[in-house]
Each structure stands twice: as C-alpha cells, then as structure tokens.
Amino acid sequence: MVRRIFWMAVGAGATVWAMNKANDAVHRLTPDSLSGTAARGALHLGDLAKQFAQDVRAGMTEREEQLREDLGLDGTAVVEPRRPRVLRGEPQYRAISAAPGSPAAALPPPSRARASTDGAGTTPQAIEKTPRRALPPRGGTNRKDH
C-alpha cells in the first residue's frame, strides 16, 4: 500500500511539472510574447550597433591625431601655401578608363589614323576592299555512306 501511494505521488508530481513546462511554452509562443522578445532583441542589437559606432569614431579620432602628429600637421610645421595653377590655352582633359568588368572595358581603345610610309594618310574610307577568295567545297569523296 505504501508503494502505491509513493508511485501515485511521483505521478502527480510529474504531471504538475509537465503542466507547468507546457504552460510556460504556450506563454512563450504567443504572438505578444514573440513580438516582445523580437523588440527586446532589436533594442539590444541597436545598442550594440551604437556602441560599435562610438568605438569606431573614437578610434578614428585617435588615429587622426596620431597621423597629424607624425606628419607635422598639428601646427608645429611650417607649410607654404599652395600656388594656384594657371592654365595655358585650352584645359587639358584626361580620359577615364572603363570600370573593370563592364562591357566598355572589353572594347579596344580607339585608334587614331596613322600616316602611311608614302606620306598619304589612310583612313577607313580610303582602304580598298580586297576581293574574297572562293572557299573550296566541303566534303569530298571520303564519305562513308556510299
């Protein structure tokens, strides 16, 4: 009889424990609880991002001070003012190359008309078309389907 009471008490305790775990899981998985957990996580992530930005900003300021000191830009060096550039004639323009991987990068650079050895300039319009040769007929007598 004591044995039966003991196992009945163990079963009742296990049932209470399982019901409490199930109720906790149900409360954790409700939409309100999930949204609250997501909001808390987002706030925590935002705080971490803000702290990271402050650390980066402090590191940038420290490094900038080091570079200014090393290069003498902290007011200890005497620097001559820059003279303005004077352009003579027309302004000079530089060609900008195409970005690597773009379709324009695969194009050959534009070529300029070159002077030939006889002194006359050759342009694409001045080049004569050469007649095409006739290709030999394909196939022959070595066919296997006789």
C-alpha atoms as a PDB file:
ATOM      1  CA  MET A   1       0.000   0.000   0.000  1.00  0.00           C
ATOM      2  CA  VAL A   2       2.847   2.414   0.760  1.00  0.00           C
ATOM      3  CA  ARG A   3       4.281   1.560  -2.593  1.00  0.00           C
ATOM      4  CA  ARG A   4       1.105   2.554  -4.370  1.00  0.00           C
ATOM      5  CA  ILE A   5       0.924   5.870  -2.515  1.00  0.00           C
ATOM      6  CA  PHE A   6       4.564   6.554  -3.365  1.00  0.00           C
ATOM      7  CA  TRP A   7       4.052   5.956  -7.117  1.00  0.00           C
ATOM      8  CA  MET A   8       0.834   7.955  -7.084  1.00  0.00           C
ATOM      9  CA  ALA A   9       2.706  10.894  -5.530  1.00  0.00           C
ATOM     10  CA  VAL A  10       5.532  10.542  -8.109  1.00  0.00           C
ATOM     11  CA  GLY A  11       2.971  10.511 -10.950  1.00  0.00           C
ATOM     12  CA  ALA A  12       1.146  13.550  -9.550  1.00  0.00           C
ATOM     13  CA  GLY A  13       4.454  15.446  -9.177  1.00  0.00           C
ATOM     14  CA  ALA A  14       5.496  14.573 -12.742  1.00  0.00           C
ATOM     15  CA  THR A  15       2.103  15.710 -14.023  1.00  0.00           C
ATOM     16  CA  VAL A  16       2.355  19.072 -12.221  1.00  0.00           C
ATOM     17  CA  TRP A  17       5.911  19.575 -13.525  1.00  0.00           C
ATOM     18  CA  ALA A  18       4.866  18.709 -17.138  1.00  0.00           C
ATOM     19  CA  MET A  19       1.839  21.026 -16.951  1.00  0.00           C
ATOM     20  CA  ASN A  20       3.998  23.933 -15.735  1.00  0.00           C
ATOM     21  CA  LYS A  21       6.518  23.373 -18.569  1.00  0.00           C
ATOM     22  CA  ALA A  22       3.686  23.193 -21.132  1.00  0.00           C
ATOM     23  CA  ASN A  23       2.095  26.418 -19.829  1.00  0.00           C
ATOM     24  CA  ASP A  24       5.463  28.212 -19.969  1.00  0.00           C
ATOM     25  CA  ALA A  25       5.951  27.070 -23.566  1.00  0.00           C
ATOM     26  CA  VAL A  26       2.447  28.219 -24.525  1.00  0.00           C
ATOM     27  CA  HIS A  27       3.047  31.650 -22.984  1.00  0.00           C
ATOM     28  CA  ARG A  28       6.424  31.977 -24.697  1.00  0.00           C
ATOM     29  CA  LEU A  29       4.929  31.163 -28.103  1.00  0.00           C
ATOM     30  CA  THR A  30       2.013  33.619 -28.037  1.00  0.00           C
ATOM     31  CA  PRO A  31       2.190  36.454 -30.591  1.00  0.00           C
ATOM     32  CA  ASP A  32       2.546  39.095 -27.851  1.00  0.00           C
ATOM     33  CA  SER A  33       5.421  37.252 -26.238  1.00  0.00           C
ATOM     34  CA  LEU A  34       7.160  36.676 -29.584  1.00  0.00           C
ATOM     35  CA  SER A  35       6.828  40.331 -30.581  1.00  0.00           C
ATOM     36  CA  GLY A  36       8.135  41.422 -27.176  1.00  0.00           C
ATOM     37  CA  THR A  37      11.117  39.117 -27.488  1.00  0.00           C
ATOM     38  CA  ALA A  38      11.821  40.418 -31.009  1.00  0.00           C
ATOM     39  CA  ALA A  39      11.533  44.035 -29.826  1.00  0.00           C
ATOM     40  CA  ARG A  40      13.923  43.422 -26.939  1.00  0.00           C
ATOM     41  CA  GLY A  41      16.360  41.738 -29.320  1.00  0.00           C
ATOM     42  CA  ALA A  42      16.140  44.648 -31.767  1.00  0.00           C
ATOM     43  CA  LEU A  43      16.765  47.171 -28.998  1.00  0.00           C
ATOM     44  CA  HIS A  44      19.749  45.177 -27.798  1.00  0.00           C
ATOM     45  CA  LEU A  45      21.118  44.983 -31.352  1.00  0.00           C
ATOM     46  CA  GLY A  46      20.619  48.735 -31.774  1.00  0.00           C
ATOM     47  CA  ASP A  47      22.509  49.394 -28.536  1.00  0.00           C
ATOM     48  CA  LEU A  48      25.362  47.182 -29.733  1.00  0.00           C
ATOM     49  CA  ALA A  49      25.476  48.975 -33.104  1.00  0.00           C
ATOM     50  CA  LYS A  50      25.517  52.376 -31.377  1.00  0.00           C
ATOM     51  CA  GLN A  51      28.349  51.256 -29.093  1.00  0.00           C
ATOM     52  CA  PHE A  52      30.282  49.929 -32.112  1.00  0.00           C
ATOM     53  CA  ALA A  53      29.852  53.256 -33.943  1.00  0.00           C
ATOM     54  CA  GLN A  54      31.104  55.156 -30.895  1.00  0.00           C
ATOM     55  CA  ASP A  55      34.135  52.867 -30.640  1.00  0.00           C
ATOM     56  CA  VAL A  56      34.920  53.331 -34.338  1.00  0.00           C
ATOM     57  CA  ARG A  57      34.538  57.107 -34.052  1.00  0.00           C
ATOM     58  CA  ALA A  58      36.863  57.199 -31.029  1.00  0.00           C
ATOM     59  CA  GLY A  59      39.425  55.049 -32.858  1.00  0.00           C
ATOM     60  CA  MET A  60      39.250  57.292 -35.934  1.00  0.00           C
ATOM     61  CA  THR A  61      39.814  60.402 -33.823  1.00  0.00           C
ATOM     62  CA  GLU A  62      42.760  58.800 -32.045  1.00  0.00           C
ATOM     63  CA  ARG A  63      44.340  57.659 -35.323  1.00  0.00           C
ATOM     64  CA  GLU A  64      43.796  61.073 -36.929  1.00  0.00           C
ATOM     65  CA  GLU A  65      45.606  62.727 -34.010  1.00  0.00           C
ATOM     66  CA  GLN A  66      48.492  60.257 -34.405  1.00  0.00           C
ATOM     67  CA  LEU A  67      48.747  60.950 -38.136  1.00  0.00           C
ATOM     68  CA  ARG A  68      48.607  64.717 -37.634  1.00  0.00           C
ATOM     69  CA  GLU A  69      51.393  64.490 -35.050  1.00  0.00           C
ATOM     70  CA  ASP A  70      53.518  62.191 -37.248  1.00  0.00           C
ATOM     71  CA  LEU A  71      53.076  64.359 -40.358  1.00  0.00           C
ATOM     72  CA  GLY A  72      53.543  67.635 -38.521  1.00  0.00           C
ATOM     73  CA  LEU A  73      50.036  68.856 -39.282  1.00  0.00           C
ATOM     74  CA  ASP A  74      49.229  69.712 -35.692  1.00  0.00           C
ATOM     75  CA  GLY A  75      50.528  73.285 -36.102  1.00  0.00           C
ATOM     76  CA  THR A  76      54.199  72.619 -35.387  1.00  0.00           C
ATOM     77  CA  ALA A  77      55.348  72.513 -39.020  1.00  0.00           C
ATOM     78  CA  VAL A  78      55.511  75.497 -41.352  1.00  0.00           C
ATOM     79  CA  VAL A  79      53.758  74.795 -44.618  1.00  0.00           C
ATOM     80  CA  GLU A  80      53.966  77.082 -47.641  1.00  0.00           C
ATOM     81  CA  PRO A  81      50.606  77.977 -49.147  1.00  0.00           C
ATOM     82  CA  ARG A  82      49.808  76.334 -52.459  1.00  0.00           C
ATOM     83  CA  ARG A  83      50.037  78.478 -55.549  1.00  0.00           C
ATOM     84  CA  PRO A  84      47.026  78.407 -57.834  1.00  0.00           C
ATOM     85  CA  ARG A  85      47.565  76.586 -61.123  1.00  0.00           C
ATOM     86  CA  VAL A  86      47.496  78.724 -64.216  1.00  0.00           C
ATOM     87  CA  LEU A  87      46.033  77.048 -67.283  1.00  0.00           C
ATOM     88  CA  ARG A  88      47.566  77.947 -70.591  1.00  0.00           C
ATOM     89  CA  GLY A  89      45.325  77.742 -73.598  1.00  0.00           C
ATOM     90  CA  GLU A  90      42.629  75.125 -73.510  1.00  0.00           C
ATOM     91  CA  PRO A  91      42.151  72.988 -70.416  1.00  0.00           C
ATOM     92  CA  GLN A  92      43.666  69.535 -70.583  1.00  0.00           C
ATOM     93  CA  TYR A  93      41.265  66.640 -70.211  1.00  0.00           C
ATOM     94  CA  ARG A  94      42.134  63.144 -69.103  1.00  0.00           C
ATOM     95  CA  ALA A  95      40.419  60.077 -70.440  1.00  0.00           C
ATOM     96  CA  ILE A  96      38.693  57.989 -67.819  1.00  0.00           C
ATOM     97  CA  SER A  97      39.030  54.276 -68.287  1.00  0.00           C
ATOM     98  CA  ALA A  98      36.048  51.988 -68.066  1.00  0.00           C
ATOM     99  CA  ALA A  99      35.420  50.088 -64.864  1.00  0.00           C
ATOM    100  CA  PRO A 100      36.822  46.549 -64.841  1.00  0.00           C
ATOM    101  CA  GLY A 101      34.187  44.013 -65.728  1.00  0.00           C
ATOM    102  CA  SER A 102      31.974  46.498 -67.559  1.00  0.00           C
ATOM    103  CA  PRO A 103      31.118  45.910 -71.236  1.00  0.00           C
ATOM    104  CA  ALA A 104      33.068  49.040 -72.217  1.00  0.00           C
ATOM    105  CA  ALA A 105      36.249  47.608 -70.677  1.00  0.00           C
ATOM    106  CA  ALA A 106      36.242  44.810 -73.266  1.00  0.00           C
ATOM    107  CA  LEU A 107      36.319  47.257 -76.193  1.00  0.00           C
ATOM    108  CA  PRO A 108      39.700  48.024 -77.743  1.00  0.00           C
ATOM    109  CA  PRO A 109      40.981  51.567 -77.242  1.00  0.00           C
ATOM    110  CA  PRO A 110      40.100  53.935 -80.075  1.00  0.00           C
ATOM    111  CA  SER A 111      42.891  54.127 -82.641  1.00  0.00           C
ATOM    112  CA  ARG A 112      43.871  57.292 -84.400  1.00  0.00           C
ATOM    113  CA  ALA A 113      44.531  57.493 -88.140  1.00  0.00           C
ATOM    114  CA  ARG A 114      48.202  56.851 -88.805  1.00  0.00           C
ATOM    115  CA  ALA A 115      50.243  58.281 -91.595  1.00  0.00           C
ATOM    116  CA  SER A 116      51.444  55.673 -94.058  1.00  0.00           C
ATOM    117  CA  THR A 117      55.025  55.421 -95.291  1.00  0.00           C
ATOM    118  CA  ASP A 118      54.220  57.149 -98.600  1.00  0.00           C
ATOM    119  CA  GLY A 119      53.080  60.287 -96.794  1.00  0.00           C
ATOM    120  CA  ALA A 120      49.385  59.956 -97.581  1.00  0.00           C
ATOM    121  CA  GLY A 121      47.122  59.413 -94.622  1.00  0.00           C
ATOM    122  CA  THR A 122      44.994  56.298 -94.680  1.00  0.00           C
ATOM    123  CA  THR A 123      41.512  56.407 -93.322  1.00  0.00           C
ATOM    124  CA  PRO A 124      38.925  53.648 -93.242  1.00  0.00           C
ATOM    125  CA  GLN A 125      37.254  55.219 -96.289  1.00  0.00           C
ATOM    126  CA  ALA A 126      40.489  55.171 -98.304  1.00  0.00           C
ATOM    127  CA  ILE A 127      41.204  51.467 -97.783  1.00  0.00           C
ATOM    128  CA  GLU A 128      40.162  49.418-100.783  1.00  0.00           C
ATOM    129  CA  LYS A 129      38.172  46.271-100.284  1.00  0.00           C
ATOM    130  CA  THR A 130      40.022  43.130-101.226  1.00  0.00           C
ATOM    131  CA  PRO A 131      38.020  40.514-103.082  1.00  0.00           C
ATOM    132  CA  ARG A 132      37.241  37.373-101.143  1.00  0.00           C
ATOM    133  CA  ARG A 133      38.554  34.069-102.306  1.00  0.00           C
ATOM    134  CA  ALA A 134      36.121  31.306-103.001  1.00  0.00           C
ATOM    135  CA  LEU A 135      36.306  28.573-100.401  1.00  0.00           C
ATOM    136  CA  PRO A 136      36.850  25.001-101.603  1.00  0.00           C
ATOM    137  CA  PRO A 137      33.680  22.889-101.490  1.00  0.00           C
ATOM    138  CA  ARG A 138      33.132  20.980 -98.307  1.00  0.00           C
ATOM    139  CA  GLY A 139      33.012  17.274 -98.217  1.00  0.00           C
ATOM    140  CA  GLY A 140      34.702  15.082-100.714  1.00  0.00           C
ATOM    141  CA  THR A 141      34.994  11.562-101.849  1.00  0.00           C
ATOM    142  CA  ASN A 142      35.966  10.220 -98.437  1.00  0.00           C
ATOM    143  CA  ARG A 143      32.417   9.700 -97.359  1.00  0.00           C
ATOM    144  CA  LYS A 144      31.494   6.523 -95.567  1.00  0.00           C
ATOM    145  CA  ASP A 145      27.849   6.484 -96.631  1.00  0.00           C
ATOM    146  CA  HIS A 146      28.316   5.047-100.177  1.00  0.00           C
END
